[in-house]
């Protein structure tokens, strides 16, 4: 069995919060809802090249751990998305996890990733 590369663990610090478009504001609402629905540590939402949205919460099982952003990206890919326009993570952390960041960058080198607090306040945006 080939070795699989370890998931990135570095955390990205968002820059100053960008002014959100109405469409990105909807992603914040979806991510907050996904997080609240199951009482998860974080929620995330992404928008694909066709404007479709996907929301998810973090998963922590004995046999499977996924960040909310990884799961939202996986849902988009499973539905046929080939590019992402934007992403949002709602979390209590002040940084973006490396694994979720890498998942978004697999589909879009330039999509903004907005990091928001549980109350929906955007803390900052990662653009690289």
Protein backbone atom coordinates (compact mmCIF):
# COMPACT_ATOMS: atom_id res chain seq x y z
CA UNK A 1 0.00 0.00 0.00
CA UNK A 2 1.54 3.37 -0.95
CA UNK A 3 2.20 5.93 1.71
CA UNK A 4 -0.28 8.77 1.72
CA UNK A 5 1.00 12.24 2.46
CA UNK A 6 0.14 13.63 5.85
CA UNK A 7 -2.59 16.26 5.91
CA UNK A 8 -1.25 19.80 6.20
CA UNK A 9 -1.36 21.04 9.76
CA UNK A 10 -0.07 24.58 9.37
CA UNK A 11 -2.59 27.26 10.16
CA UNK A 12 -3.04 30.39 8.06
CA UNK A 13 -3.71 33.71 9.72
CA UNK A 14 -6.38 35.71 7.91
CA UNK A 15 -5.66 39.29 6.87
CA UNK A 16 -8.01 42.14 7.65
CA UNK A 17 -11.62 41.34 6.94
CA UNK A 18 -12.71 42.08 3.40
CA UNK A 19 -16.07 43.63 2.60
CA UNK A 20 -18.30 40.65 1.88
CA UNK A 21 -20.47 40.48 -1.21
CA UNK A 22 -24.08 39.43 -0.71
CA UNK A 23 -23.19 35.98 -2.05
CA UNK A 24 -20.33 35.59 0.45
CA UNK A 25 -22.66 36.80 3.20
CA UNK A 26 -24.95 33.89 2.35
CA UNK A 27 -22.00 31.53 2.85
CA UNK A 28 -21.56 32.89 6.38
CA UNK A 29 -25.24 32.16 7.13
CA UNK A 30 -24.94 28.63 5.72
CA UNK A 31 -21.74 27.89 7.65
CA UNK A 32 -23.23 29.19 10.91
CA UNK A 33 -26.29 27.01 10.37
CA UNK A 34 -24.25 23.89 9.66
CA UNK A 35 -22.21 24.45 12.83
CA UNK A 36 -25.22 25.17 15.03
CA UNK A 37 -27.32 22.27 13.72
CA UNK A 38 -25.02 19.67 15.25
CA UNK A 39 -23.15 21.74 17.84
CA UNK A 40 -19.88 21.26 15.96
CA UNK A 41 -16.59 23.01 16.62
CA UNK A 42 -16.76 24.65 13.20
CA UNK A 43 -19.00 25.04 10.18
CA UNK A 44 -18.08 25.87 6.61
CA UNK A 45 -19.67 26.66 3.28
CA UNK A 46 -18.28 26.93 -0.25
CA UNK A 47 -19.65 28.21 -3.57
CA UNK A 48 -18.69 26.51 -6.82
CA UNK A 49 -18.22 27.82 -10.36
CA UNK A 50 -21.95 27.49 -11.05
CA UNK A 51 -23.04 29.34 -7.91
CA UNK A 52 -24.10 26.17 -6.09
CA UNK A 53 -23.40 26.14 -2.35
CA UNK A 54 -22.35 23.35 -0.02
CA UNK A 55 -22.33 23.57 3.78
CA UNK A 56 -20.83 21.19 6.32
CA UNK A 57 -19.80 20.84 9.94
CA UNK A 58 -16.62 19.32 11.31
CA UNK A 59 -16.63 15.56 11.87
CA UNK A 60 -14.78 13.89 14.75
CA UNK A 61 -15.31 10.14 14.89
CA UNK A 62 -12.92 7.49 16.18
CA UNK A 63 -12.23 6.41 12.60
CA UNK A 64 -12.67 9.68 10.70
CA UNK A 65 -11.76 13.30 11.34
CA UNK A 66 -12.57 16.03 8.82
CA UNK A 67 -12.59 19.78 9.16
CA UNK A 68 -15.79 21.51 8.13
CA UNK A 69 -14.00 23.04 5.15
CA UNK A 70 -12.65 19.67 3.99
CA UNK A 71 -16.16 18.21 4.11
CA UNK A 72 -17.72 21.17 2.29
CA UNK A 73 -15.09 20.90 -0.47
CA UNK A 74 -15.58 17.12 -0.68
CA UNK A 75 -19.34 17.61 -1.03
CA UNK A 76 -18.79 20.11 -3.84
CA UNK A 77 -16.43 17.76 -5.67
CA UNK A 78 -18.80 14.83 -5.21
CA UNK A 79 -21.52 16.93 -6.84
CA UNK A 80 -19.32 17.70 -9.84
CA UNK A 81 -17.69 21.02 -8.93
CA UNK A 82 -14.38 21.67 -10.62
CA UNK A 83 -13.68 25.15 -9.22
CA UNK A 84 -14.58 27.16 -6.13
CA UNK A 85 -15.40 30.87 -6.09
CA UNK A 86 -15.34 31.44 -2.31
CA UNK A 87 -15.34 29.71 1.06
CA UNK A 88 -16.27 30.58 4.65
CA UNK A 89 -15.30 28.91 7.92
CA UNK A 90 -17.13 29.73 11.14
CA UNK A 91 -14.95 28.85 14.09
CA UNK A 92 -13.84 29.97 17.52
CA UNK A 93 -10.21 29.82 16.35
CA UNK A 94 -8.55 32.93 14.98
CA UNK A 95 -6.70 31.01 12.27
CA UNK A 96 -7.60 28.78 9.34
CA UNK A 97 -6.60 25.13 9.62
CA UNK A 98 -4.04 23.90 7.09
CA UNK A 99 -6.07 20.91 5.90
CA UNK A 100 -9.15 22.98 5.04
CA UNK A 101 -7.00 25.65 3.40
CA UNK A 102 -5.29 23.00 1.26
CA UNK A 103 -8.64 21.48 0.23
CA UNK A 104 -9.88 24.83 -1.08
CA UNK A 105 -6.59 25.48 -2.87
CA UNK A 106 -6.90 22.13 -4.66
CA UNK A 107 -9.81 23.68 -6.57
CA UNK A 108 -8.98 27.39 -6.56
CA UNK A 109 -5.67 29.15 -6.11
CA UNK A 110 -7.32 32.53 -5.66
CA UNK A 111 -10.70 31.97 -3.99
CA UNK A 112 -11.09 34.03 -0.83
CA UNK A 113 -11.51 32.03 2.37
CA UNK A 114 -13.33 34.14 4.95
CA UNK A 115 -12.89 33.22 8.62
CA UNK A 116 -15.81 34.20 10.84
CA UNK A 117 -16.60 34.01 14.52
CA UNK A 118 -19.63 32.01 15.72
CA UNK A 119 -21.71 35.21 15.80
CA UNK A 120 -21.00 35.74 12.07
CA UNK A 121 -18.48 38.55 12.47
CA UNK A 122 -15.85 38.15 9.77
CA UNK A 123 -12.42 38.04 11.42
CA UNK A 124 -10.40 38.12 8.22
CA UNK A 125 -9.80 36.65 4.81
CA UNK A 126 -7.12 34.31 3.48
CA UNK A 127 -6.38 34.94 -0.18
CA UNK A 128 -3.23 32.88 -0.75
